[in-house]
Amino acid sequence: MEINSPSAVVNKIRVVPQEIAELHYLCCEQSILLDLITDALVLFSIDGQVKYWNRSAKKIYGCLETAAMSQQAVDFGDIVEDPHYQESIDLTLDRGEWTGERQLLTKTGKQITVASRWYLIVATNGAPQSILTIDTDITKYKLLERQFLRAQRLENLGTLASGIAHDLNNILTPIVAITELLPLRLKNLDERTQKLLGTLAENSKRGRELVAQILTFARGGDGEHTILQPRHLLAEVVQIARQTFPRSIEISLQIENSNLWTLSADSTQLHQVLINLCVNARDGMPEGGELTIKAENIILTDKYPKLHPDAHGGAYVAITIADTGIGIPPELLGRIFEPFFTTKPVGKGTGLGLSTVQTIVHNHQGFVDISSQVNQGTQFRFYLPANNQIEPVQVESILPALTGKGELILIVDDEPSIREILSTTIESYDYQSMTAINSQQAIELYRQHHDQIHTILLDYMMPGGNPDQTIAQFHSIDPHVRVILMSGLSAAEIAAESHGEPATSFLAKPFSTQDLLHALEAVDSE
């Protein structure tokens, strides 16, 4: 490389012959000292021929052992692939030094990030002689930094999701209520119309569950555990997979026991576990294959926990998701549950799917096993403790009808559609209704009619209203006031935010007619 106007560089650099001699002595005679340094040190001539590299350079760049030991004259550009190599040289020659971050591809094919410092070494006459580079491998640091930024974005997503969930649940609340109210109002519906209403009710329920899943993913949470039969959940997931996965994937469900044990679990979270594992299996079979979902009762002996630290002896339901896809390399099996670790292309995966699976299963006192062979497929098997209670019998059809006795209910909500449908619903079940569009109007109405108002249905999030202050005002008028809070937020979130008088009860939007009637009956008995 031709060097122009070296005098400009000489003015910026102190020429100290003694220090250059000492550097030469360290590089040539005392290289053992430089080999103790964890940074990669490389000294190369202006034309790019390497004069010296230390042991850390060999380790970081993946240089050949023979080349490193014999100090062969190789071009620095041959050690690593660096698209900005020449630009770094030009800046060092111009300024005397250069610092920055570099993305390098090593000889072993590994992508690394280094914090690089380049220094120009000149001869006694001021002519540029060589360049000394000091590189610190910051690949892991940059990975942690990206993970932190992702976690921060997820935290912001959780805050945003709460507000979005409230709005979505406000939209879903009248839809759910109308689908249940129309069959009561329209007695002579033909079979096709009834089927359409059933489809509407089922999809509004699915929308409610979808919002709950978004909140679970964004914020986490323990969820509400109920006694459930996994057979029904598995059948639902299989149906979703068959409708959405490519036809090149054959899906089968195997229930090994006719009397599959029940679980004490959160159905929404288990649904998320199954969907995540099925999606992973689908992505592992880009050319098609077989996806098998299997459930069975298993008794683990006390010896099994020795093989798995999270296991305990006892009765379990084991659920297996197996595919015939590309498999997972052995060197990656130990990392697949790490948050943000993914083998999928950029934009195709968040690296949160399997870590979410492990977290949910662990919170259910279960554990996960995995086995995989490259080009033969992968099998995820998770174990959940079986419940010792009998599966609840569906007795909704024989429950007595929940009706009022003419009680007056004050409905406070800023959404006109919700006020209207709630009024229509409770009046259909022998209640009376009065509505208010905001907290101020509700307080004034309650002040005038508190002797007649039986219960207040109060929306938690309304523009310009503080629910704690509103409830306090109600209590100042009547200490025995009955208030049912309605919100798209969870009860736990409201309890964490509330610092005043507690509400009598809570209804999570969107709620069914039965939920509403049960809540009204419950406050009446308190």
Protein backbone atom coordinates (compact mmCIF):
# COMPACT_ATOMS: atom_id res chain seq x y z
CA MET A 1 0.00 0.00 0.00
CA GLU A 2 1.35 3.43 -0.95
CA ILE A 3 1.56 5.88 1.93
CA ASN A 4 1.08 9.59 1.13
CA SER A 5 2.24 12.47 3.32
CA PRO A 6 3.61 10.52 6.31
CA SER A 7 4.52 13.85 7.99
CA ALA A 8 0.85 14.35 8.94
CA VAL A 9 0.95 11.10 10.87
CA VAL A 10 4.33 11.79 12.48
CA ASN A 11 2.97 14.97 14.05
CA LYS A 12 0.31 12.95 15.87
CA ILE A 13 2.58 10.14 17.20
CA ARG A 14 5.37 10.20 19.69
CA VAL A 15 8.34 8.34 18.23
CA VAL A 16 10.06 6.53 21.09
CA PRO A 17 12.69 4.16 19.73
CA GLN A 18 13.33 2.62 23.13
CA GLU A 19 9.66 1.62 23.56
CA ILE A 20 9.62 0.13 20.06
CA ALA A 21 12.68 -1.91 20.93
CA GLU A 22 11.04 -3.11 24.14
CA LEU A 23 7.88 -4.07 22.21
CA HIS A 24 10.03 -6.03 19.76
CA TYR A 25 11.76 -7.76 22.68
CA LEU A 26 8.46 -8.71 24.29
CA CYS A 27 7.04 -10.01 21.02
CA CYS A 28 10.10 -12.00 19.97
CA GLU A 29 11.87 -12.99 23.19
CA GLN A 30 9.24 -12.88 25.94
CA SER A 31 6.08 -13.92 24.09
CA ILE A 32 5.10 -16.06 27.07
CA LEU A 33 4.09 -12.88 28.89
CA LEU A 34 1.88 -11.77 26.03
CA ASP A 35 0.31 -15.24 25.86
CA LEU A 36 -1.07 -14.69 29.37
CA ILE A 37 -3.17 -11.77 28.13
CA THR A 38 -6.78 -12.71 27.40
CA ASP A 39 -7.07 -10.12 24.60
CA ALA A 40 -6.00 -10.99 21.07
CA LEU A 41 -2.75 -9.19 20.17
CA VAL A 42 -1.66 -9.07 16.52
CA LEU A 43 1.24 -7.12 15.06
CA PHE A 44 1.27 -6.92 11.28
CA SER A 45 3.11 -4.89 8.69
CA ILE A 46 1.56 -2.15 6.61
CA ASP A 47 1.18 -4.56 3.69
CA GLY A 48 -0.79 -6.92 5.95
CA GLN A 49 1.82 -9.60 6.74
CA VAL A 50 1.47 -10.86 10.32
CA LYS A 51 4.63 -10.50 12.41
CA TYR A 52 3.26 -11.74 15.72
CA TRP A 53 0.09 -13.03 17.34
CA ASN A 54 -0.41 -14.28 20.87
CA ARG A 55 -2.19 -17.39 22.11
CA SER A 56 -5.46 -15.54 22.74
CA ALA A 57 -5.51 -14.41 19.10
CA LYS A 58 -5.29 -18.05 18.03
CA LYS A 59 -8.13 -18.93 20.40
CA ILE A 60 -10.42 -16.01 19.51
CA TYR A 61 -9.85 -16.06 15.75
CA GLY A 62 -9.72 -19.85 15.46
CA CYS A 63 -6.28 -19.78 13.81
CA LEU A 64 -4.53 -22.97 12.86
CA GLU A 65 -2.23 -24.40 15.53
CA THR A 66 0.66 -24.94 13.11
CA ALA A 67 0.46 -21.39 11.78
CA ALA A 68 0.34 -19.96 15.27
CA MET A 69 3.29 -21.98 16.49
CA SER A 70 5.54 -21.41 13.47
CA GLN A 71 4.65 -17.73 13.11
CA GLN A 72 4.19 -18.18 9.39
CA ALA A 73 3.91 -15.03 7.32
CA VAL A 74 0.17 -14.90 6.58
CA ASP A 75 -1.99 -11.97 5.60
CA PHE A 76 -4.02 -10.60 8.49
CA GLY A 77 -7.06 -10.52 6.23
CA ASP A 78 -6.78 -14.31 5.91
CA ILE A 79 -7.12 -14.85 9.66
CA VAL A 80 -10.66 -13.54 9.87
CA GLU A 81 -13.28 -12.34 7.43
CA ASP A 82 -13.80 -8.64 8.12
CA PRO A 83 -15.69 -6.55 5.54
CA HIS A 84 -14.31 -3.33 7.05
CA TYR A 85 -10.69 -4.50 7.20
CA GLN A 86 -9.28 -2.02 4.68
CA GLU A 87 -11.34 0.84 6.11
CA SER A 88 -9.83 0.20 9.57
CA ILE A 89 -6.31 0.28 8.12
CA ASP A 90 -6.96 3.57 6.31
CA LEU A 91 -8.33 5.21 9.46
CA THR A 92 -5.37 3.99 11.52
CA LEU A 93 -2.88 5.35 8.98
CA ASP A 94 -4.72 8.67 8.86
CA ARG A 95 -5.25 9.18 12.61
CA GLY A 96 -2.51 7.08 14.19
CA GLU A 97 -5.06 4.94 16.02
CA TRP A 98 -8.59 3.60 15.66
CA THR A 99 -11.14 2.07 18.01
CA GLY A 100 -14.49 0.45 17.36
CA GLU A 101 -16.53 -2.75 17.30
CA ARG A 102 -16.03 -5.33 14.58
CA GLN A 103 -18.19 -8.26 13.45
CA LEU A 104 -15.82 -11.06 12.43
CA LEU A 105 -16.16 -14.53 10.96
CA THR A 106 -13.39 -16.78 12.29
CA LYS A 107 -11.66 -19.63 10.52
CA THR A 108 -13.91 -22.06 12.43
CA GLY A 109 -17.01 -20.37 10.96
CA LYS A 110 -17.97 -18.69 14.24
CA GLN A 111 -19.49 -15.20 14.19
CA ILE A 112 -17.92 -13.04 16.91
CA THR A 113 -17.99 -9.42 18.03
CA VAL A 114 -14.79 -7.77 19.26
CA ALA A 115 -13.98 -4.40 20.78
CA SER A 116 -10.95 -3.46 18.70
CA ARG A 117 -8.11 -0.95 19.25
CA TRP A 118 -5.59 -0.36 16.45
CA TYR A 119 -2.33 1.56 16.93
CA LEU A 120 0.13 2.70 14.26
CA ILE A 121 3.80 1.91 14.92
CA VAL A 122 6.30 4.16 13.07
CA ALA A 123 10.03 3.89 12.51
CA THR A 124 12.55 6.40 13.85
CA ASN A 125 12.31 8.33 10.60
CA GLY A 126 8.54 8.69 11.03
CA ALA A 127 7.59 6.23 8.32
CA PRO A 128 4.62 3.93 9.11
CA GLN A 129 6.03 0.50 9.91
CA SER A 130 3.34 -1.75 11.34
CA ILE A 131 -0.02 -1.84 13.10
CA LEU A 132 -0.73 -3.34 16.53
CA THR A 133 -4.29 -4.55 17.12
CA ILE A 134 -5.81 -5.44 20.49
CA ASP A 135 -9.16 -7.22 20.28
CA THR A 136 -11.44 -8.11 23.21
CA ASP A 137 -14.08 -10.76 22.54
CA ILE A 138 -17.38 -9.18 23.64
CA THR A 139 -19.69 -11.67 21.90
CA LYS A 140 -21.29 -12.88 25.15
CA TYR A 141 -21.62 -9.32 26.44
CA LYS A 142 -23.42 -8.23 23.27
CA LEU A 143 -25.70 -11.26 23.54
CA LEU A 144 -26.59 -10.33 27.13
CA GLU A 145 -27.16 -6.76 26.03
CA ARG A 146 -29.58 -7.90 23.32
CA GLN A 147 -31.35 -10.16 25.82
CA PHE A 148 -31.70 -7.26 28.25
CA LEU A 149 -33.18 -5.06 25.54
CA ARG A 150 -35.59 -7.84 24.56
CA ALA A 151 -36.61 -8.29 28.19
CA GLN A 152 -37.13 -4.54 28.47
CA ARG A 153 -39.31 -4.58 25.35
CA LEU A 154 -41.32 -7.45 26.83
CA GLU A 155 -41.80 -5.46 30.04
CA ASN A 156 -43.10 -2.55 27.98
CA LEU A 157 -45.27 -5.00 26.06
CA GLY A 158 -46.77 -6.20 29.34
CA THR A 159 -47.76 -2.65 30.27
CA LEU A 160 -49.17 -2.04 26.80
CA ALA A 161 -50.97 -5.39 26.80
CA SER A 162 -52.91 -4.50 29.94
CA GLY A 163 -54.40 -1.45 28.27
CA ILE A 164 -55.08 -3.30 25.02
CA ALA A 165 -56.68 -6.19 26.93
CA HIS A 166 -59.02 -3.78 28.69
CA ASP A 167 -60.17 -2.31 25.37
CA LEU A 168 -60.53 -5.72 23.73
CA ASN A 169 -62.46 -7.11 26.67
CA ASN A 170 -64.78 -4.09 26.55
CA ILE A 171 -65.45 -4.96 22.91
CA LEU A 172 -65.98 -8.65 23.67
CA THR A 173 -68.26 -8.12 26.69
CA PRO A 174 -71.39 -7.04 24.75
CA ILE A 175 -70.69 -9.67 22.07
CA VAL A 176 -70.59 -12.47 24.66
CA ALA A 177 -73.69 -11.13 26.37
CA ILE A 178 -75.67 -10.73 23.12
CA THR A 179 -74.88 -14.28 21.97
CA GLU A 180 -76.38 -15.57 25.23
CA LEU A 181 -79.31 -13.14 25.28
CA LEU A 182 -80.57 -13.59 21.71
CA PRO A 183 -81.70 -17.21 22.13
CA LEU A 184 -83.77 -16.10 25.14
CA ARG A 185 -85.39 -13.26 23.19
CA LEU A 186 -85.87 -15.11 19.91
CA LYS A 187 -87.61 -18.38 20.74
CA ASN A 188 -88.44 -19.59 17.23
CA LEU A 189 -85.03 -19.60 15.59
CA ASP A 190 -84.46 -22.05 12.75
CA GLU A 191 -81.66 -24.60 13.00
CA ARG A 192 -79.29 -22.66 10.73
CA THR A 193 -79.64 -19.44 12.76
CA GLN A 194 -79.08 -21.36 15.99
CA LYS A 195 -75.92 -22.83 14.48
CA LEU A 196 -74.70 -19.36 13.51
CA LEU A 197 -75.31 -18.09 17.06
CA GLY A 198 -73.40 -21.08 18.40
CA THR A 199 -70.47 -20.26 16.13
CA LEU A 200 -70.56 -16.64 17.28
CA ALA A 201 -70.59 -17.71 20.94
CA GLU A 202 -67.71 -20.14 20.42
CA ASN A 203 -65.56 -17.54 18.64
CA SER A 204 -66.26 -14.85 21.22
CA LYS A 205 -65.12 -17.35 23.87
CA ARG A 206 -61.99 -18.01 21.82
CA GLY A 207 -61.32 -14.27 21.66
CA ARG A 208 -61.55 -14.05 25.43
CA GLU A 209 -59.08 -16.93 25.82
CA LEU A 210 -56.74 -15.37 23.26
CA VAL A 211 -56.56 -12.13 25.25
CA ALA A 212 -55.80 -14.16 28.36
CA GLN A 213 -52.97 -15.96 26.52
CA ILE A 214 -51.47 -12.66 25.37
CA LEU A 215 -51.45 -11.39 28.93
CA THR A 216 -49.93 -14.65 30.21
CA PHE A 217 -47.12 -14.41 27.65
CA ALA A 218 -46.47 -10.70 28.21
CA ARG A 219 -46.68 -10.58 32.01
CA GLY A 220 -46.53 -14.16 33.23
CA GLY A 221 -48.68 -15.14 36.18
CA ASP A 222 -49.83 -18.16 38.11
CA GLY A 223 -53.28 -18.40 36.53
CA GLU A 224 -56.33 -20.05 38.04
CA HIS A 225 -56.06 -23.82 38.52
CA THR A 226 -59.17 -25.91 38.02
CA ILE A 227 -59.83 -29.63 37.74
CA LEU A 228 -59.69 -30.46 34.03
CA GLN A 229 -59.64 -33.50 31.77
CA PRO A 230 -56.62 -33.20 29.43
CA ARG A 231 -58.36 -35.36 26.81
CA HIS A 232 -60.62 -32.43 25.85
CA LEU A 233 -57.73 -29.95 25.69
CA LEU A 234 -55.66 -32.30 23.51
CA ALA A 235 -58.57 -32.83 21.11
CA GLU A 236 -58.97 -29.06 20.77
CA VAL A 237 -55.26 -28.53 20.05
CA VAL A 238 -55.28 -31.32 17.45
CA GLN A 239 -58.25 -29.69 15.74
CA ILE A 240 -56.44 -26.32 15.61
CA ALA A 241 -53.28 -27.97 14.23
CA ARG A 242 -55.21 -29.82 11.52
CA GLN A 243 -56.89 -26.61 10.44
CA THR A 244 -53.74 -24.45 10.36
CA PHE A 245 -50.71 -26.70 9.70
CA PRO A 246 -49.62 -27.65 6.15
CA ARG A 247 -51.36 -30.70 4.70
CA SER A 248 -47.94 -32.30 4.27
CA ILE A 249 -47.91 -32.88 8.05
CA GLU A 250 -49.95 -35.86 9.23
CA ILE A 251 -51.32 -35.34 12.75
CA SER A 252 -52.47 -38.10 15.09
CA LEU A 253 -53.76 -38.19 18.67
CA GLN A 254 -53.17 -41.21 20.88
CA ILE A 255 -54.83 -41.56 24.29
CA GLU A 256 -53.23 -44.59 25.89
CA ASN A 257 -55.75 -44.94 28.72
CA SER A 258 -59.53 -44.97 28.40
CA ASN A 259 -59.70 -43.40 31.87
CA LEU A 260 -57.11 -40.64 31.58
CA TRP A 261 -56.47 -39.01 34.96
CA THR A 262 -57.49 -35.40 35.56
CA LEU A 263 -55.16 -32.49 36.31
CA SER A 264 -55.28 -29.48 38.58
CA ALA A 265 -54.07 -26.90 36.10
CA ASP A 266 -54.66 -23.64 34.27
CA SER A 267 -56.25 -24.64 30.96
CA THR A 268 -55.10 -21.48 29.13
CA GLN A 269 -51.47 -22.02 30.11
CA LEU A 270 -51.54 -25.72 29.19
CA HIS A 271 -53.10 -24.76 25.86
CA GLN A 272 -50.13 -22.43 25.36
CA VAL A 273 -47.66 -25.23 26.20
CA LEU A 274 -49.24 -27.60 23.69
CA ILE A 275 -49.47 -24.99 20.93
CA ASN A 276 -45.83 -23.93 21.44
CA LEU A 277 -44.59 -27.52 21.21
CA CYS A 278 -46.77 -28.28 18.17
CA VAL A 279 -45.55 -25.14 16.37
CA ASN A 280 -41.94 -26.13 17.12
CA ALA A 281 -42.65 -29.58 15.68
CA ARG A 282 -44.21 -28.02 12.58
CA ASP A 283 -41.18 -25.75 12.04
CA GLY A 284 -38.92 -28.80 12.38
CA MET A 285 -40.69 -30.49 9.43
CA PRO A 286 -40.45 -27.99 6.54
CA GLU A 287 -40.84 -30.82 4.02
CA GLY A 288 -43.67 -32.48 5.92
CA GLY A 289 -43.79 -35.46 8.24
CA GLU A 290 -45.73 -36.96 11.14
CA LEU A 291 -46.78 -35.13 14.30
CA THR A 292 -47.91 -37.41 17.11
CA ILE A 293 -49.60 -36.19 20.29
CA LYS A 294 -49.93 -38.83 22.99
CA ALA A 295 -51.21 -38.86 26.58
CA GLU A 296 -50.97 -41.62 29.18
CA ASN A 297 -51.18 -42.33 32.90
CA ILE A 298 -47.82 -43.07 34.51
CA ILE A 299 -46.70 -44.03 38.02
CA LEU A 300 -43.14 -42.90 38.80
CA THR A 301 -41.26 -44.76 41.48
CA ASP A 302 -39.12 -43.02 44.09
CA LYS A 303 -36.03 -44.03 42.10
CA TYR A 304 -36.95 -41.80 39.14
CA PRO A 305 -36.13 -38.48 40.87
CA LYS A 306 -32.51 -39.62 40.92
CA LEU A 307 -32.59 -39.43 37.12
CA HIS A 308 -34.45 -36.11 36.99
CA PRO A 309 -33.95 -33.44 39.70
CA ASP A 310 -37.43 -31.90 39.25
CA ALA A 311 -39.29 -35.21 39.54
CA HIS A 312 -41.03 -36.77 42.52
CA GLY A 313 -42.50 -40.22 42.82
CA GLY A 314 -46.23 -40.50 42.28
CA ALA A 315 -49.03 -40.44 39.70
CA TYR A 316 -48.54 -38.35 36.57
CA VAL A 317 -50.18 -37.67 33.25
CA ALA A 318 -47.44 -37.75 30.59
CA ILE A 319 -48.08 -35.83 27.37
CA THR A 320 -45.77 -36.38 24.39
CA ILE A 321 -45.32 -34.21 21.30
CA ALA A 322 -43.21 -36.10 18.75
CA ASP A 323 -42.21 -35.24 15.19
CA THR A 324 -40.21 -36.83 12.39
CA GLY A 325 -38.36 -33.64 11.47
CA ILE A 326 -34.78 -32.43 11.19
CA GLY A 327 -34.00 -32.93 14.88
CA ILE A 328 -31.76 -30.92 17.19
CA PRO A 329 -27.93 -31.25 17.16
CA PRO A 330 -26.52 -32.68 20.44
CA GLU A 331 -24.48 -29.53 21.12
CA LEU A 332 -27.68 -27.42 21.15
CA LEU A 333 -29.88 -29.68 23.30
CA GLY A 334 -28.51 -28.18 26.51
CA ARG A 335 -29.46 -24.64 25.43
CA ILE A 336 -32.95 -24.97 23.97
CA PHE A 337 -34.69 -23.89 27.18
CA GLU A 338 -32.55 -20.76 27.55
CA PRO A 339 -34.59 -17.54 27.18
CA PHE A 340 -34.06 -15.89 23.79
CA PHE A 341 -32.03 -18.80 22.41
CA THR A 342 -33.33 -19.86 19.02
CA THR A 343 -32.00 -21.69 15.98
CA LYS A 344 -34.63 -20.14 13.73
CA PRO A 345 -33.77 -17.34 11.27
CA VAL A 346 -34.03 -13.72 12.38
CA GLY A 347 -37.67 -12.68 12.57
CA LYS A 348 -38.91 -16.29 12.68
CA GLY A 349 -38.54 -16.98 16.40
CA THR A 350 -38.27 -15.08 19.68
CA GLY A 351 -36.45 -17.78 21.64
CA LEU A 352 -39.20 -17.63 24.28
CA GLY A 353 -41.38 -20.58 23.25
CA LEU A 354 -39.55 -23.40 25.00
CA SER A 355 -38.53 -21.31 28.01
CA THR A 356 -42.22 -20.45 28.44
CA VAL A 357 -43.08 -24.15 28.20
CA GLN A 358 -40.57 -25.07 30.89
CA THR A 359 -41.72 -22.24 33.18
CA ILE A 360 -45.41 -23.18 32.92
CA VAL A 361 -44.75 -26.91 33.42
CA HIS A 362 -42.47 -26.17 36.39
CA ASN A 363 -45.14 -23.92 37.94
CA HIS A 364 -47.52 -26.88 37.68
CA GLN A 365 -45.00 -29.00 39.69
CA GLY A 366 -44.13 -30.94 36.56
CA PHE A 367 -41.01 -31.46 34.47
CA VAL A 368 -39.98 -31.84 30.83
CA ASP A 369 -37.87 -34.49 29.08
CA ILE A 370 -36.53 -34.21 25.54
CA SER A 371 -34.86 -36.60 23.15
CA SER A 372 -33.77 -35.84 19.60
CA GLN A 373 -31.71 -37.26 16.75
CA VAL A 374 -30.59 -35.27 13.74
CA ASN A 375 -32.71 -36.03 10.65
CA GLN A 376 -34.86 -38.46 12.66
CA GLY A 377 -37.04 -36.22 14.78
CA THR A 378 -37.62 -34.78 18.25
CA GLN A 379 -39.78 -35.84 21.16
CA PHE A 380 -40.86 -33.53 23.98
CA ARG A 381 -42.52 -35.26 26.92
CA PHE A 382 -43.83 -33.33 29.89
CA TYR A 383 -45.18 -34.82 33.10
CA LEU A 384 -47.90 -33.19 35.21
CA PRO A 385 -49.00 -34.51 38.62
CA ALA A 386 -52.35 -36.28 38.38
CA ASN A 387 -55.16 -34.90 40.49
CA ASN A 388 -56.63 -37.11 43.19
CA GLN A 389 -60.11 -35.66 42.81
CA ILE A 390 -62.81 -37.06 40.56
CA GLU A 391 -63.47 -35.14 37.36
CA PRO A 392 -66.36 -32.75 37.99
CA VAL A 393 -69.67 -33.75 36.45
CA GLN A 394 -71.26 -31.21 34.12
CA VAL A 395 -74.49 -30.31 35.91
CA GLU A 396 -75.20 -26.89 34.44
CA SER A 397 -78.44 -28.08 32.85
CA ILE A 398 -79.95 -29.08 36.20
CA LEU A 399 -78.93 -26.00 38.15
CA PRO A 400 -81.82 -23.79 39.25
CA ALA A 401 -82.28 -20.61 37.23
CA LEU A 402 -80.61 -17.55 38.72
CA THR A 403 -83.14 -14.74 38.74
CA GLY A 404 -83.62 -11.57 40.67
CA LYS A 405 -86.58 -10.27 42.65
CA GLY A 406 -86.84 -6.81 41.19
CA GLU A 407 -83.63 -5.47 42.78
CA LEU A 408 -82.32 -2.21 41.32
CA ILE A 409 -78.79 -2.42 39.89
CA LEU A 410 -76.76 0.72 39.11
CA ILE A 411 -74.55 0.10 36.06
CA VAL A 412 -71.56 2.45 35.72
CA ASP A 413 -69.59 2.18 32.47
CA ASP A 414 -68.37 4.70 29.88
CA GLU A 415 -69.12 2.27 27.00
CA PRO A 416 -72.72 2.78 25.78
CA SER A 417 -72.91 -0.71 24.29
CA ILE A 418 -71.95 -2.31 27.61
CA ARG A 419 -74.46 -0.24 29.58
CA GLU A 420 -77.21 -1.15 27.14
CA ILE A 421 -76.55 -4.88 26.96
CA LEU A 422 -76.05 -5.23 30.73
CA SER A 423 -79.32 -3.42 31.36
CA THR A 424 -81.14 -5.65 28.87
CA THR A 425 -79.57 -8.80 30.31
CA ILE A 426 -80.35 -8.24 33.98
CA GLU A 427 -83.86 -7.01 33.18
CA SER A 428 -84.40 -10.33 31.36
CA TYR A 429 -83.73 -12.03 34.70
CA ASP A 430 -86.13 -9.94 36.82
CA TYR A 431 -83.72 -7.20 37.92
CA GLN A 432 -84.19 -3.47 37.40
CA SER A 433 -81.43 -1.24 36.05
CA MET A 434 -80.18 2.32 36.28
CA THR A 435 -77.14 3.54 34.33
CA ALA A 436 -74.42 6.16 34.74
CA ILE A 437 -71.79 7.18 32.19
CA ASN A 438 -69.09 8.25 34.69
CA SER A 439 -68.16 8.23 38.37
CA GLN A 440 -69.55 11.70 39.09
CA GLN A 441 -72.98 10.82 37.75
CA ALA A 442 -72.90 7.49 39.60
CA ILE A 443 -72.11 9.15 42.93
CA GLU A 444 -74.93 11.66 42.45
CA LEU A 445 -77.41 8.93 41.51
CA TYR A 446 -76.38 6.81 44.48
CA ARG A 447 -76.70 9.81 46.79
CA GLN A 448 -80.30 10.28 45.61
CA HIS A 449 -81.36 6.61 45.38
CA HIS A 450 -79.12 4.64 47.72
CA ASP A 451 -82.14 3.35 49.63
CA GLN A 452 -83.44 1.71 46.44
CA ILE A 453 -80.14 0.66 44.77
CA HIS A 454 -79.24 -2.89 45.68
CA THR A 455 -75.83 -3.29 43.96
CA ILE A 456 -73.46 -1.19 41.86
CA LEU A 457 -71.72 -2.63 38.78
CA LEU A 458 -68.67 -0.36 38.41
CA ASP A 459 -66.19 -0.38 35.52
CA TYR A 460 -62.68 -0.14 36.95
CA MET A 461 -61.08 1.91 34.17
CA MET A 462 -63.05 4.95 33.07
CA PRO A 463 -61.68 8.26 31.74
CA GLY A 464 -61.41 10.88 34.46
CA GLY A 465 -62.38 8.54 37.28
CA ASN A 466 -60.40 7.11 40.19
CA PRO A 467 -62.05 3.83 41.28
CA ASP A 468 -60.63 3.99 44.82
CA GLN A 469 -62.05 7.48 45.34
CA THR A 470 -65.37 6.50 43.74
CA ILE A 471 -65.80 3.48 46.03
CA ALA A 472 -64.81 5.64 49.01
CA GLN A 473 -67.57 8.11 48.08
CA PHE A 474 -70.09 5.25 47.90
CA HIS A 475 -69.00 4.06 51.35
CA SER A 476 -69.34 7.56 52.77
CA ILE A 477 -72.98 7.54 51.64
CA ASP A 478 -73.66 3.97 52.81
CA PRO A 479 -71.00 1.91 54.63
CA HIS A 480 -72.79 -1.31 53.57
CA VAL A 481 -72.76 -0.53 49.84
CA ARG A 482 -72.33 -3.53 47.50
CA VAL A 483 -69.89 -2.85 44.63
CA ILE A 484 -68.98 -5.35 41.90
CA LEU A 485 -65.92 -4.19 39.95
CA MET A 486 -65.80 -5.00 36.24
CA SER A 487 -62.50 -4.91 34.36
CA GLY A 488 -60.43 -6.38 31.56
CA LEU A 489 -57.55 -6.51 34.05
CA SER A 490 -57.08 -9.44 36.39
CA ALA A 491 -58.22 -9.43 40.01
CA ALA A 492 -54.58 -9.64 41.13
CA GLU A 493 -53.64 -6.52 39.15
CA ILE A 494 -56.56 -4.57 40.60
CA ALA A 495 -55.70 -5.70 44.14
CA ALA A 496 -52.11 -4.52 43.61
CA GLU A 497 -53.24 -1.10 42.35
CA SER A 498 -56.08 -0.49 44.85
CA HIS A 499 -55.34 1.18 48.16
CA GLY A 500 -58.78 2.24 49.36
CA GLU A 501 -62.01 0.55 50.34
CA PRO A 502 -62.21 -2.92 48.73
CA ALA A 503 -65.00 -3.84 46.35
CA THR A 504 -67.47 -6.53 47.36
CA SER A 505 -66.80 -8.69 44.30
CA PHE A 506 -65.03 -8.75 40.93
CA LEU A 507 -66.05 -9.69 37.37
CA ALA A 508 -63.41 -10.18 34.67
CA LYS A 509 -64.49 -8.89 31.26
CA PRO A 510 -65.78 -10.38 29.09
CA PHE A 511 -68.07 -12.35 31.41
CA SER A 512 -70.97 -14.62 30.64
CA THR A 513 -74.56 -14.11 31.73
CA GLN A 514 -74.13 -16.90 34.28
CA ASP A 515 -71.02 -15.18 35.68
CA LEU A 516 -73.00 -11.96 36.09
CA LEU A 517 -75.98 -13.64 37.71
CA HIS A 518 -73.76 -15.63 40.08
CA ALA A 519 -71.96 -12.42 41.11
CA LEU A 520 -75.25 -10.64 41.83
CA GLU A 521 -76.50 -13.58 43.85
CA ALA A 522 -73.21 -13.85 45.77
CA VAL A 523 -73.22 -10.21 46.94
CA ASP A 524 -76.83 -10.61 48.00
CA SER A 525 -75.86 -13.44 50.36
CA GLU A 526 -72.98 -11.52 51.99
